[in-house]
Amino acid sequence: MDYINFFEQPAPKISVSVPKIACEVYAGHTGFFEIKNIGRGVLTGHVFSKSSVIRFACEDFRGNDIRVDYTIDVSGRMAGELIKTSAYVVTKSGGDVLPVVIRGFPPVPVL
């Protein structure tokens, strides 16, 4: 094995298509962002949030052009509540933190 060339190859490097996730949510909301590898090799990683308000369809990823779908659910929250959290994109070669700001308007129960 040519160890010099192995270690001199550039590593994968991420580029995320959005700087943050921000929205007003009435009941539920779906959206997506993209992760692209602007380096070399194959990008592998994980996407997560500490908040149960935002859920990712696929938390683990592998590839060079990845679409990350998410769902926001504000049920059980106060009307007009401002929710601030973060989405974390983590790879072996680095990561990114996306601020998440949601103004929630859950559905009003019908009496």
PDB file of N, CA and C in Angstrom:
ATOM      1  N   MET A   1       0.855  -1.191   0.000  1.00  0.00           N
ATOM      2  CA  MET A   1       0.000   0.000   0.000  1.00  0.00           C
ATOM      3  C   MET A   1       0.888   1.238   0.000  1.00  0.00           C
ATOM      4  N   ASP A   2       0.478   2.222  -0.770  1.00  0.00           N
ATOM      5  CA  ASP A   2       1.199   3.481  -0.858  1.00  0.00           C
ATOM      6  C   ASP A   2       0.677   4.416   0.243  1.00  0.00           C
ATOM      7  N   TYR A   3       1.304   4.371   1.411  1.00  0.00           N
ATOM      8  CA  TYR A   3       0.825   5.126   2.565  1.00  0.00           C
ATOM      9  C   TYR A   3       0.933   6.637   2.380  1.00  0.00           C
ATOM     10  N   ILE A   4       1.933   7.091   1.658  1.00  0.00           N
ATOM     11  CA  ILE A   4       2.083   8.533   1.456  1.00  0.00           C
ATOM     12  C   ILE A   4       0.891   9.083   0.675  1.00  0.00           C
ATOM     13  N   ASN A   5       0.530   8.439  -0.431  1.00  0.00           N
ATOM     14  CA  ASN A   5      -0.610   8.913  -1.212  1.00  0.00           C
ATOM     15  C   ASN A   5      -1.924   8.734  -0.459  1.00  0.00           C
ATOM     16  N   PHE A   6      -2.029   7.667   0.347  1.00  0.00           N
ATOM     17  CA  PHE A   6      -3.246   7.424   1.122  1.00  0.00           C
ATOM     18  C   PHE A   6      -3.518   8.582   2.083  1.00  0.00           C
ATOM     19  N   PHE A   7      -2.497   9.019   2.789  1.00  0.00           N
ATOM     20  CA  PHE A   7      -2.686  10.079   3.780  1.00  0.00           C
ATOM     21  C   PHE A   7      -2.691  11.482   3.168  1.00  0.00           C
ATOM     22  N   GLU A   8      -2.226  11.635   1.948  1.00  0.00           N
ATOM     23  CA  GLU A   8      -2.224  12.940   1.305  1.00  0.00           C
ATOM     24  C   GLU A   8      -3.509  13.227   0.544  1.00  0.00           C
ATOM     25  N   GLN A   9      -4.396  12.233   0.402  1.00  0.00           N
ATOM     26  CA  GLN A   9      -5.661  12.471  -0.287  1.00  0.00           C
ATOM     27  C   GLN A   9      -6.547  13.376   0.551  1.00  0.00           C
ATOM     28  N   PRO A  10      -7.174  14.357  -0.081  1.00  0.00           N
ATOM     29  CA  PRO A  10      -8.099  15.213   0.661  1.00  0.00           C
ATOM     30  C   PRO A  10      -9.280  14.408   1.195  1.00  0.00           C
ATOM     31  N   ALA A  11      -9.734  14.742   2.362  1.00  0.00           N
ATOM     32  CA  ALA A  11     -10.855  14.063   2.997  1.00  0.00           C
ATOM     33  C   ALA A  11     -12.170  14.651   2.492  1.00  0.00           C
ATOM     34  N   PRO A  12     -13.275  13.946   2.751  1.00  0.00           N
ATOM     35  CA  PRO A  12     -14.576  14.537   2.435  1.00  0.00           C
ATOM     36  C   PRO A  12     -14.771  15.841   3.205  1.00  0.00           C
ATOM     37  N   LYS A  13     -15.539  16.747   2.633  1.00  0.00           N
ATOM     38  CA  LYS A  13     -15.834  18.029   3.274  1.00  0.00           C
ATOM     39  C   LYS A  13     -17.290  18.367   2.982  1.00  0.00           C
ATOM     40  N   ILE A  14     -18.028  18.756   4.027  1.00  0.00           N
ATOM     41  CA  ILE A  14     -19.462  18.984   3.828  1.00  0.00           C
ATOM     42  C   ILE A  14     -19.783  20.423   3.463  1.00  0.00           C
ATOM     43  N   SER A  15     -20.874  20.535   2.703  1.00  0.00           N
ATOM     44  CA  SER A  15     -21.496  21.815   2.408  1.00  0.00           C
ATOM     45  C   SER A  15     -22.992  21.600   2.599  1.00  0.00           C
ATOM     46  N   VAL A  16     -23.611  22.394   3.462  1.00  0.00           N
ATOM     47  CA  VAL A  16     -25.042  22.270   3.744  1.00  0.00           C
ATOM     48  C   VAL A  16     -25.778  23.388   3.005  1.00  0.00           C
ATOM     49  N   SER A  17     -26.901  23.052   2.369  1.00  0.00           N
ATOM     50  CA  SER A  17     -27.595  23.979   1.476  1.00  0.00           C
ATOM     51  C   SER A  17     -28.317  25.124   2.184  1.00  0.00           C
ATOM     52  N   VAL A  18     -28.517  25.036   3.482  1.00  0.00           N
ATOM     53  CA  VAL A  18     -29.206  26.108   4.214  1.00  0.00           C
ATOM     54  C   VAL A  18     -28.388  26.508   5.442  1.00  0.00           C
ATOM     55  N   PRO A  19     -28.400  27.796   5.812  1.00  0.00           N
ATOM     56  CA  PRO A  19     -27.671  28.217   7.010  1.00  0.00           C
ATOM     57  C   PRO A  19     -28.467  27.971   8.293  1.00  0.00           C
ATOM     58  N   LYS A  20     -29.811  27.842   8.166  1.00  0.00           N
ATOM     59  CA  LYS A  20     -30.654  27.603   9.332  1.00  0.00           C
ATOM     60  C   LYS A  20     -32.010  27.086   8.867  1.00  0.00           C
ATOM     61  N   ILE A  21     -32.781  26.575   9.807  1.00  0.00           N
ATOM     62  CA  ILE A  21     -34.164  26.168   9.560  1.00  0.00           C
ATOM     63  C   ILE A  21     -35.030  27.109  10.376  1.00  0.00           C
ATOM     64  N   ALA A  22     -35.882  27.877   9.704  1.00  0.00           N
ATOM     65  CA  ALA A  22     -36.751  28.828  10.391  1.00  0.00           C
ATOM     66  C   ALA A  22     -38.114  28.817   9.720  1.00  0.00           C
ATOM     67  N   CYS A  23     -39.176  28.724  10.529  1.00  0.00           N
ATOM     68  CA  CYS A  23     -40.515  28.712   9.953  1.00  0.00           C
ATOM     69  C   CYS A  23     -41.574  28.954  11.018  1.00  0.00           C
ATOM     70  N   GLU A  24     -42.757  29.313  10.542  1.00  0.00           N
ATOM     71  CA  GLU A  24     -43.947  29.333  11.373  1.00  0.00           C
ATOM     72  C   GLU A  24     -44.713  28.074  11.029  1.00  0.00           C
ATOM     73  N   VAL A  25     -45.101  27.323  12.043  1.00  0.00           N
ATOM     74  CA  VAL A  25     -45.717  26.027  11.813  1.00  0.00           C
ATOM     75  C   VAL A  25     -47.137  26.029  12.357  1.00  0.00           C
ATOM     76  N   TYR A  26     -48.072  25.713  11.491  1.00  0.00           N
ATOM     77  CA  TYR A  26     -49.467  25.542  11.867  1.00  0.00           C
ATOM     78  C   TYR A  26     -49.751  24.044  11.780  1.00  0.00           C
ATOM     79  N   ALA A  27     -49.825  23.375  12.908  1.00  0.00           N
ATOM     80  CA  ALA A  27     -50.016  21.918  13.006  1.00  0.00           C
ATOM     81  C   ALA A  27     -48.699  21.205  12.697  1.00  0.00           C
ATOM     82  N   GLY A  28     -48.389  20.948  11.449  1.00  0.00           N
ATOM     83  CA  GLY A  28     -47.162  20.240  11.092  1.00  0.00           C
ATOM     84  C   GLY A  28     -46.509  20.876   9.881  1.00  0.00           C
ATOM     85  N   HIS A  29     -45.255  20.544   9.662  1.00  0.00           N
ATOM     86  CA  HIS A  29     -44.495  21.123   8.558  1.00  0.00           C
ATOM     87  C   HIS A  29     -43.456  20.106   8.120  1.00  0.00           C
ATOM     88  N   THR A  30     -43.237  19.996   6.811  1.00  0.00           N
ATOM     89  CA  THR A  30     -42.159  19.159   6.298  1.00  0.00           C
ATOM     90  C   THR A  30     -41.239  20.016   5.444  1.00  0.00           C
ATOM     91  N   GLY A  31     -40.004  19.621   5.385  1.00  0.00           N
ATOM     92  CA  GLY A  31     -39.029  20.335   4.576  1.00  0.00           C
ATOM     93  C   GLY A  31     -37.808  19.468   4.348  1.00  0.00           C
ATOM     94  N   PHE A  32     -36.812  20.028   3.734  1.00  0.00           N
ATOM     95  CA  PHE A  32     -35.575  19.290   3.503  1.00  0.00           C
ATOM     96  C   PHE A  32     -34.419  20.266   3.316  1.00  0.00           C
ATOM     97  N   PHE A  33     -33.225  19.740   3.483  1.00  0.00           N
ATOM     98  CA  PHE A  33     -32.017  20.445   3.090  1.00  0.00           C
ATOM     99  C   PHE A  33     -31.079  19.420   2.484  1.00  0.00           C
ATOM    100  N   GLU A  34     -30.037  19.899   1.838  1.00  0.00           N
ATOM    101  CA  GLU A  34     -29.108  18.999   1.168  1.00  0.00           C
ATOM    102  C   GLU A  34     -27.709  19.118   1.764  1.00  0.00           C
ATOM    103  N   ILE A  35     -27.041  17.987   1.805  1.00  0.00           N
ATOM    104  CA  ILE A  35     -25.648  17.926   2.225  1.00  0.00           C
ATOM    105  C   ILE A  35     -24.854  17.455   1.016  1.00  0.00           C
ATOM    106  N   LYS A  36     -23.828  18.205   0.649  1.00  0.00           N
ATOM    107  CA  LYS A  36     -22.992  17.829  -0.487  1.00  0.00           C
ATOM    108  C   LYS A  36     -21.549  17.662  -0.029  1.00  0.00           C
ATOM    109  N   ASN A  37     -20.891  16.728  -0.636  1.00  0.00           N
ATOM    110  CA  ASN A  37     -19.468  16.521  -0.396  1.00  0.00           C
ATOM    111  C   ASN A  37     -18.704  17.378  -1.393  1.00  0.00           C
ATOM    112  N   ILE A  38     -17.988  18.380  -0.893  1.00  0.00           N
ATOM    113  CA  ILE A  38     -17.187  19.229  -1.780  1.00  0.00           C
ATOM    114  C   ILE A  38     -15.706  18.860  -1.671  1.00  0.00           C
ATOM    115  N   GLY A  39     -15.448  17.734  -1.020  1.00  0.00           N
ATOM    116  CA  GLY A  39     -14.087  17.213  -0.911  1.00  0.00           C
ATOM    117  C   GLY A  39     -13.971  15.940  -1.727  1.00  0.00           C
ATOM    118  N   ARG A  40     -13.155  15.040  -1.254  1.00  0.00           N
ATOM    119  CA  ARG A  40     -12.942  13.762  -1.935  1.00  0.00           C
ATOM    120  C   ARG A  40     -13.469  12.629  -1.085  1.00  0.00           C
ATOM    121  N   GLY A  41     -13.547  11.470  -1.690  1.00  0.00           N
ATOM    122  CA  GLY A  41     -13.997  10.287  -0.963  1.00  0.00           C
ATOM    123  C   GLY A  41     -15.516  10.267  -0.839  1.00  0.00           C
ATOM    124  N   VAL A  42     -15.997   9.459   0.086  1.00  0.00           N
ATOM    125  CA  VAL A  42     -17.435   9.318   0.322  1.00  0.00           C
ATOM    126  C   VAL A  42     -17.756   9.859   1.700  1.00  0.00           C
ATOM    127  N   LEU A  43     -18.771  10.690   1.767  1.00  0.00           N
ATOM    128  CA  LEU A  43     -19.188  11.334   3.015  1.00  0.00           C
ATOM    129  C   LEU A  43     -20.112  10.392   3.788  1.00  0.00           C
ATOM    130  N   THR A  44     -19.808  10.160   5.043  1.00  0.00           N
ATOM    131  CA  THR A  44     -20.686   9.398   5.924  1.00  0.00           C
ATOM    132  C   THR A  44     -20.884  10.205   7.194  1.00  0.00           C
ATOM    133  N   GLY A  45     -22.089  10.119   7.760  1.00  0.00           N
ATOM    134  CA  GLY A  45     -22.330  10.886   8.973  1.00  0.00           C
ATOM    135  C   GLY A  45     -23.696  10.665   9.555  1.00  0.00           C
ATOM    136  N   HIS A  46     -24.089  11.590  10.415  1.00  0.00           N
ATOM    137  CA  HIS A  46     -25.298  11.482  11.207  1.00  0.00           C
ATOM    138  C   HIS A  46     -25.915  12.874  11.360  1.00  0.00           C
ATOM    139  N   VAL A  47     -27.251  12.957  11.323  1.00  0.00           N
ATOM    140  CA  VAL A  47     -27.980  14.206  11.537  1.00  0.00           C
ATOM    141  C   VAL A  47     -28.902  13.992  12.729  1.00  0.00           C
ATOM    142  N   PHE A  48     -28.902  14.933  13.681  1.00  0.00           N
ATOM    143  CA  PHE A  48     -29.779  14.784  14.837  1.00  0.00           C
ATOM    144  C   PHE A  48     -30.096  16.131  15.464  1.00  0.00           C
ATOM    145  N   SER A  49     -31.101  16.131  16.336  1.00  0.00           N
ATOM    146  CA  SER A  49     -31.466  17.293  17.137  1.00  0.00           C
ATOM    147  C   SER A  49     -31.806  16.796  18.527  1.00  0.00           C
ATOM    148  N   LYS A  50     -31.552  17.611  19.519  1.00  0.00           N
ATOM    149  CA  LYS A  50     -31.908  17.253  20.888  1.00  0.00           C
ATOM    150  C   LYS A  50     -33.387  17.484  21.169  1.00  0.00           C
ATOM    151  N   SER A  51     -34.085  18.168  20.267  1.00  0.00           N
ATOM    152  CA  SER A  51     -35.495  18.489  20.451  1.00  0.00           C
ATOM    153  C   SER A  51     -36.372  17.461  19.746  1.00  0.00           C
ATOM    154  N   SER A  52     -37.474  17.098  20.379  1.00  0.00           N
ATOM    155  CA  SER A  52     -38.419  16.166  19.760  1.00  0.00           C
ATOM    156  C   SER A  52     -39.331  16.874  18.756  1.00  0.00           C
ATOM    157  N   VAL A  53     -39.237  18.189  18.640  1.00  0.00           N
ATOM    158  CA  VAL A  53     -40.077  18.957  17.718  1.00  0.00           C
ATOM    159  C   VAL A  53     -39.689  18.687  16.265  1.00  0.00           C
ATOM    160  N   ILE A  54     -38.407  18.470  16.000  1.00  0.00           N
ATOM    161  CA  ILE A  54     -37.941  18.210  14.635  1.00  0.00           C
ATOM    162  C   ILE A  54     -37.408  16.783  14.556  1.00  0.00           C
ATOM    163  N   ARG A  55     -37.876  16.064  13.551  1.00  0.00           N
ATOM    164  CA  ARG A  55     -37.466  14.669  13.322  1.00  0.00           C
ATOM    165  C   ARG A  55     -36.925  14.532  11.906  1.00  0.00           C
ATOM    166  N   PHE A  56     -35.873  13.753  11.778  1.00  0.00           N
ATOM    167  CA  PHE A  56     -35.257  13.534  10.474  1.00  0.00           C
ATOM    168  C   PHE A  56     -35.639  12.155   9.956  1.00  0.00           C
ATOM    169  N   ALA A  57     -36.016  12.081   8.668  1.00  0.00           N
ATOM    170  CA  ALA A  57     -36.466  10.817   8.077  1.00  0.00           C
ATOM    171  C   ALA A  57     -35.355   9.782   8.091  1.00  0.00           C
ATOM    172  N   CYS A  58     -34.146  10.195   7.842  1.00  0.00           N
ATOM    173  CA  CYS A  58     -33.004   9.279   7.836  1.00  0.00           C
ATOM    174  C   CYS A  58     -31.865   9.964   8.586  1.00  0.00           C
ATOM    175  N   GLU A  59     -31.541   9.468   9.762  1.00  0.00           N
ATOM    176  CA  GLU A  59     -30.521  10.138  10.571  1.00  0.00           C
ATOM    177  C   GLU A  59     -29.102   9.821  10.123  1.00  0.00           C
ATOM    178  N   ASP A  60     -28.860   8.608   9.638  1.00  0.00           N
ATOM    179  CA  ASP A  60     -27.532   8.229   9.160  1.00  0.00           C
ATOM    180  C   ASP A  60     -27.479   8.409   7.644  1.00  0.00           C
ATOM    181  N   PHE A  61     -26.341   8.859   7.141  1.00  0.00           N
ATOM    182  CA  PHE A  61     -26.225   9.037   5.697  1.00  0.00           C
ATOM    183  C   PHE A  61     -24.867   8.586   5.206  1.00  0.00           C
ATOM    184  N   ARG A  62     -24.827   8.258   3.922  1.00  0.00           N
ATOM    185  CA  ARG A  62     -23.600   7.887   3.225  1.00  0.00           C
ATOM    186  C   ARG A  62     -23.789   8.258   1.761  1.00  0.00           C
ATOM    187  N   GLY A  63     -22.865   9.019   1.227  1.00  0.00           N
ATOM    188  CA  GLY A  63     -22.944   9.434  -0.170  1.00  0.00           C
ATOM    189  C   GLY A  63     -22.321  10.803  -0.349  1.00  0.00           C
ATOM    190  N   ASN A  64     -22.515  11.365  -1.522  1.00  0.00           N
ATOM    191  CA  ASN A  64     -21.918  12.662  -1.814  1.00  0.00           C
ATOM    192  C   ASN A  64     -22.942  13.754  -2.081  1.00  0.00           C
ATOM    193  N   ASP A  65     -24.179  13.375  -2.338  1.00  0.00           N
ATOM    194  CA  ASP A  65     -25.294  14.305  -2.497  1.00  0.00           C
ATOM    195  C   ASP A  65     -26.467  13.721  -1.717  1.00  0.00           C
ATOM    196  N   ILE A  66     -26.698  14.233  -0.531  1.00  0.00           N
ATOM    197  CA  ILE A  66     -27.686  13.658   0.375  1.00  0.00           C
ATOM    198  C   ILE A  66     -28.823  14.649   0.596  1.00  0.00           C
ATOM    199  N   ARG A  67     -30.048  14.175   0.468  1.00  0.00           N
ATOM    200  CA  ARG A  67     -31.228  14.980   0.786  1.00  0.00           C
ATOM    201  C   ARG A  67     -31.700  14.538   2.169  1.00  0.00           C
ATOM    202  N   VAL A  68     -31.832  15.505   3.072  1.00  0.00           N
ATOM    203  CA  VAL A  68     -32.277  15.227   4.437  1.00  0.00           C
ATOM    204  C   VAL A  68     -33.688  15.792   4.602  1.00  0.00           C
ATOM    205  N   ASP A  69     -34.678  14.906   4.661  1.00  0.00           N
ATOM    206  CA  ASP A  69     -36.062  15.312   4.877  1.00  0.00           C
ATOM    207  C   ASP A  69     -36.326  15.403   6.375  1.00  0.00           C
ATOM    208  N   TYR A  70     -37.125  16.397   6.764  1.00  0.00           N
ATOM    209  CA  TYR A  70     -37.472  16.535   8.178  1.00  0.00           C
ATOM    210  C   TYR A  70     -38.946  16.877   8.342  1.00  0.00           C
ATOM    211  N   THR A  71     -39.453  16.579   9.525  1.00  0.00           N
ATOM    212  CA  THR A  71     -40.827  16.892   9.898  1.00  0.00           C
ATOM    213  C   THR A  71     -40.799  17.666  11.202  1.00  0.00           C
ATOM    214  N   ILE A  72     -41.600  18.721  11.263  1.00  0.00           N
ATOM    215  CA  ILE A  72     -41.730  19.514  12.485  1.00  0.00           C
ATOM    216  C   ILE A  72     -43.147  19.324  12.999  1.00  0.00           C
ATOM    217  N   ASP A  73     -43.268  18.980  14.279  1.00  0.00           N
ATOM    218  CA  ASP A  73     -44.568  18.758  14.903  1.00  0.00           C
ATOM    219  C   ASP A  73     -44.646  19.599  16.174  1.00  0.00           C
ATOM    220  N   VAL A  74     -45.571  20.542  16.204  1.00  0.00           N
ATOM    221  CA  VAL A  74     -45.707  21.435  17.361  1.00  0.00           C
ATOM    222  C   VAL A  74     -46.921  21.099  18.223  1.00  0.00           C
ATOM    223  N   SER A  75     -47.526  19.938  17.997  1.00  0.00           N
ATOM    224  CA  SER A  75     -48.683  19.582  18.819  1.00  0.00           C
ATOM    225  C   SER A  75     -48.249  19.497  20.281  1.00  0.00           C
ATOM    226  N   GLY A  76     -49.132  19.950  21.148  1.00  0.00           N
ATOM    227  CA  GLY A  76     -48.830  19.974  22.578  1.00  0.00           C
ATOM    228  C   GLY A  76     -48.096  21.227  23.028  1.00  0.00           C
ATOM    229  N   ARG A  77     -47.818  22.121  22.123  1.00  0.00           N
ATOM    230  CA  ARG A  77     -47.131  23.378  22.448  1.00  0.00           C
ATOM    231  C   ARG A  77     -48.139  24.503  22.585  1.00  0.00           C
ATOM    232  N   MET A  78     -47.731  25.584  23.198  1.00  0.00           N
ATOM    233  CA  MET A  78     -48.579  26.764  23.346  1.00  0.00           C
ATOM    234  C   MET A  78     -48.630  27.522  22.015  1.00  0.00           C
ATOM    235  N   ALA A  79     -49.782  28.101  21.700  1.00  0.00           N
ATOM    236  CA  ALA A  79     -49.918  28.896  20.476  1.00  0.00           C
ATOM    237  C   ALA A  79     -48.964  30.080  20.518  1.00  0.00           C
ATOM    238  N   GLY A  80     -48.207  30.250  19.462  1.00  0.00           N
ATOM    239  CA  GLY A  80     -47.249  31.349  19.381  1.00  0.00           C
ATOM    240  C   GLY A  80     -45.927  31.089  20.078  1.00  0.00           C
ATOM    241  N   GLU A  81     -45.768  29.896  20.648  1.00  0.00           N
ATOM    242  CA  GLU A  81     -44.518  29.575  21.365  1.00  0.00           C
ATOM    243  C   GLU A  81     -43.331  29.606  20.403  1.00  0.00           C
ATOM    244  N   LEU A  82     -42.249  30.219  20.840  1.00  0.00           N
ATOM    245  CA  LEU A  82     -41.023  30.272  20.059  1.00  0.00           C
ATOM    246  C   LEU A  82     -40.118  29.138  20.521  1.00  0.00           C
ATOM    247  N   ILE A  83     -39.770  28.259  19.607  1.00  0.00           N
ATOM    248  CA  ILE A  83     -38.940  27.094  19.914  1.00  0.00           C
ATOM    249  C   ILE A  83     -37.589  27.300  19.249  1.00  0.00           C
ATOM    250  N   LYS A  84     -36.536  27.274  20.044  1.00  0.00           N
ATOM    251  CA  LYS A  84     -35.177  27.411  19.516  1.00  0.00           C
ATOM    252  C   LYS A  84     -34.397  26.155  19.870  1.00  0.00           C
ATOM    253  N   THR A  85     -33.790  25.552  18.865  1.00  0.00           N
ATOM    254  CA  THR A  85     -32.963  24.370  19.065  1.00  0.00           C
ATOM    255  C   THR A  85     -31.916  24.356  17.952  1.00  0.00           C
ATOM    256  N   SER A  86     -31.278  23.242  17.748  1.00  0.00           N
ATOM    257  CA  SER A  86     -30.269  23.124  16.693  1.00  0.00           C
ATOM    258  C   SER A  86     -30.374  21.765  16.025  1.00  0.00           C
ATOM    259  N   ALA A  87     -29.964  21.711  14.769  1.00  0.00           N
ATOM    260  CA  ALA A  87     -29.791  20.460  14.045  1.00  0.00           C
ATOM    261  C   ALA A  87     -28.288  20.282  13.860  1.00  0.00           C
ATOM    262  N   TYR A  88     -27.798  19.095  14.169  1.00  0.00           N
ATOM    263  CA  TYR A  88     -26.367  18.821  14.102  1.00  0.00           C
ATOM    264  C   TYR A  88     -26.085  17.862  12.948  1.00  0.00           C
ATOM    265  N   VAL A  89     -25.128  18.225  12.088  1.00  0.00           N
ATOM    266  CA  VAL A  89     -24.651  17.362  11.016  1.00  0.00           C
ATOM    267  C   VAL A  89     -23.225  16.991  11.400  1.00  0.00           C
ATOM    268  N   VAL A  90     -22.991  15.699  11.619  1.00  0.00           N
ATOM    269  CA  VAL A  90     -21.695  15.247  12.126  1.00  0.00           C
ATOM    270  C   VAL A  90     -21.090  14.238  11.156  1.00  0.00           C
ATOM    271  N   THR A  91     -19.826  14.462  10.780  1.00  0.00           N
ATOM    272  CA  THR A  91     -19.075  13.516   9.957  1.00  0.00           C
ATOM    273  C   THR A  91     -17.689  13.340  10.567  1.00  0.00           C
ATOM    274  N   LYS A  92     -16.945  12.375  10.065  1.00  0.00           N
ATOM    275  CA  LYS A  92     -15.578  12.172  10.556  1.00  0.00           C
ATOM    276  C   LYS A  92     -14.663  13.334  10.198  1.00  0.00           C
ATOM    277  N   SER A  93     -15.003  14.027   9.121  1.00  0.00           N
ATOM    278  CA  SER A  93     -14.134  15.118   8.667  1.00  0.00           C
ATOM    279  C   SER A  93     -14.651  16.501   9.057  1.00  0.00           C
ATOM    280  N   GLY A  94     -15.619  16.553   9.957  1.00  0.00           N
ATOM    281  CA  GLY A  94     -16.129  17.845  10.403  1.00  0.00           C
ATOM    282  C   GLY A  94     -17.633  17.811  10.539  1.00  0.00           C
ATOM    283  N   GLY A  95     -18.206  18.952  10.792  1.00  0.00           N
ATOM    284  CA  GLY A  95     -19.643  19.005  10.963  1.00  0.00           C
ATOM    285  C   GLY A  95     -20.166  20.417  10.810  1.00  0.00           C
ATOM    286  N   ASP A  96     -21.458  20.542  11.058  1.00  0.00           N
ATOM    287  CA  ASP A  96     -22.112  21.839  10.957  1.00  0.00           C
ATOM    288  C   ASP A  96     -23.272  21.850  11.940  1.00  0.00           C
ATOM    289  N   VAL A  97     -23.574  23.023  12.442  1.00  0.00           N
ATOM    290  CA  VAL A  97     -24.712  23.210  13.339  1.00  0.00           C
ATOM    291  C   VAL A  97     -25.670  24.180  12.665  1.00  0.00           C
ATOM    292  N   LEU A  98     -26.919  23.733  12.487  1.00  0.00           N
ATOM    293  CA  LEU A  98     -27.936  24.582  11.889  1.00  0.00           C
ATOM    294  C   LEU A  98     -28.873  25.071  12.987  1.00  0.00           C
ATOM    295  N   PRO A  99     -28.953  26.365  13.217  1.00  0.00           N
ATOM    296  CA  PRO A  99     -29.945  26.864  14.173  1.00  0.00           C
ATOM    297  C   PRO A  99     -31.352  26.535  13.658  1.00  0.00           C
ATOM    298  N   VAL A 100     -32.229  26.143  14.563  1.00  0.00           N
ATOM    299  CA  VAL A 100     -33.621  25.858  14.223  1.00  0.00           C
ATOM    300  C   VAL A 100     -34.481  26.795  15.062  1.00  0.00           C
ATOM    301  N   VAL A 101     -35.278  27.632  14.382  1.00  0.00           N
ATOM    302  CA  VAL A 101     -36.158  28.580  15.059  1.00  0.00           C
ATOM    303  C   VAL A 101     -37.566  28.358  14.509  1.00  0.00           C
ATOM    304  N   ILE A 102     -38.484  27.983  15.394  1.00  0.00           N
ATOM    305  CA  ILE A 102     -39.846  27.646  14.989  1.00  0.00           C
ATOM    306  C   ILE A 102     -40.826  28.434  15.842  1.00  0.00           C
ATOM    307  N   ARG A 103     -41.774  29.057  15.211  1.00  0.00           N
ATOM    308  CA  ARG A 103     -42.895  29.672  15.916  1.00  0.00           C
ATOM    309  C   ARG A 103     -44.058  28.711  15.697  1.00  0.00           C
ATOM    310  N   GLY A 104     -44.515  28.095  16.793  1.00  0.00           N
ATOM    311  CA  GLY A 104     -45.523  27.051  16.689  1.00  0.00           C
ATOM    312  C   GLY A 104     -46.937  27.524  16.943  1.00  0.00           C
ATOM    313  N   PHE A 105     -47.832  27.094  16.080  1.00  0.00           N
ATOM    314  CA  PHE A 105     -49.264  27.341  16.238  1.00  0.00           C
ATOM    315  C   PHE A 105     -49.978  26.001  16.099  1.00  0.00           C
ATOM    316  N   PRO A 106     -50.044  25.233  17.182  1.00  0.00           N
ATOM    317  CA  PRO A 106     -50.673  23.919  17.097  1.00  0.00           C
ATOM    318  C   PRO A 106     -52.160  24.042  16.758  1.00  0.00           C
ATOM    319  N   PRO A 107     -52.727  22.969  16.198  1.00  0.00           N
ATOM    320  CA  PRO A 107     -54.152  23.030  15.851  1.00  0.00           C
ATOM    321  C   PRO A 107     -55.009  23.197  17.104  1.00  0.00           C
ATOM    322  N   VAL A 108     -56.072  23.971  16.955  1.00  0.00           N
ATOM    323  CA  VAL A 108     -56.999  24.205  18.070  1.00  0.00           C
ATOM    324  C   VAL A 108     -58.000  23.051  18.091  1.00  0.00           C
ATOM    325  N   PRO A 109     -58.183  22.406  19.256  1.00  0.00           N
ATOM    326  CA  PRO A 109     -59.131  21.294  19.298  1.00  0.00           C
ATOM    327  C   PRO A 109     -60.557  21.761  19.002  1.00  0.00           C
ATOM    328  N   VAL A 110     -61.274  20.951  18.242  1.00  0.00           N
ATOM    329  CA  VAL A 110     -62.662  21.254  17.903  1.00  0.00           C
ATOM    330  C   VAL A 110     -63.547  20.746  19.035  1.00  0.00           C
ATOM    331  N   LEU A 111     -64.410  21.596  19.542  1.00  0.00           N
ATOM    332  CA  LEU A 111     -65.298  21.207  20.648  1.00  0.00           C
ATOM    333  C   LEU A 111     -66.639  20.759  20.145  1.00  0.00           C
TER     334      LEU A 111
END
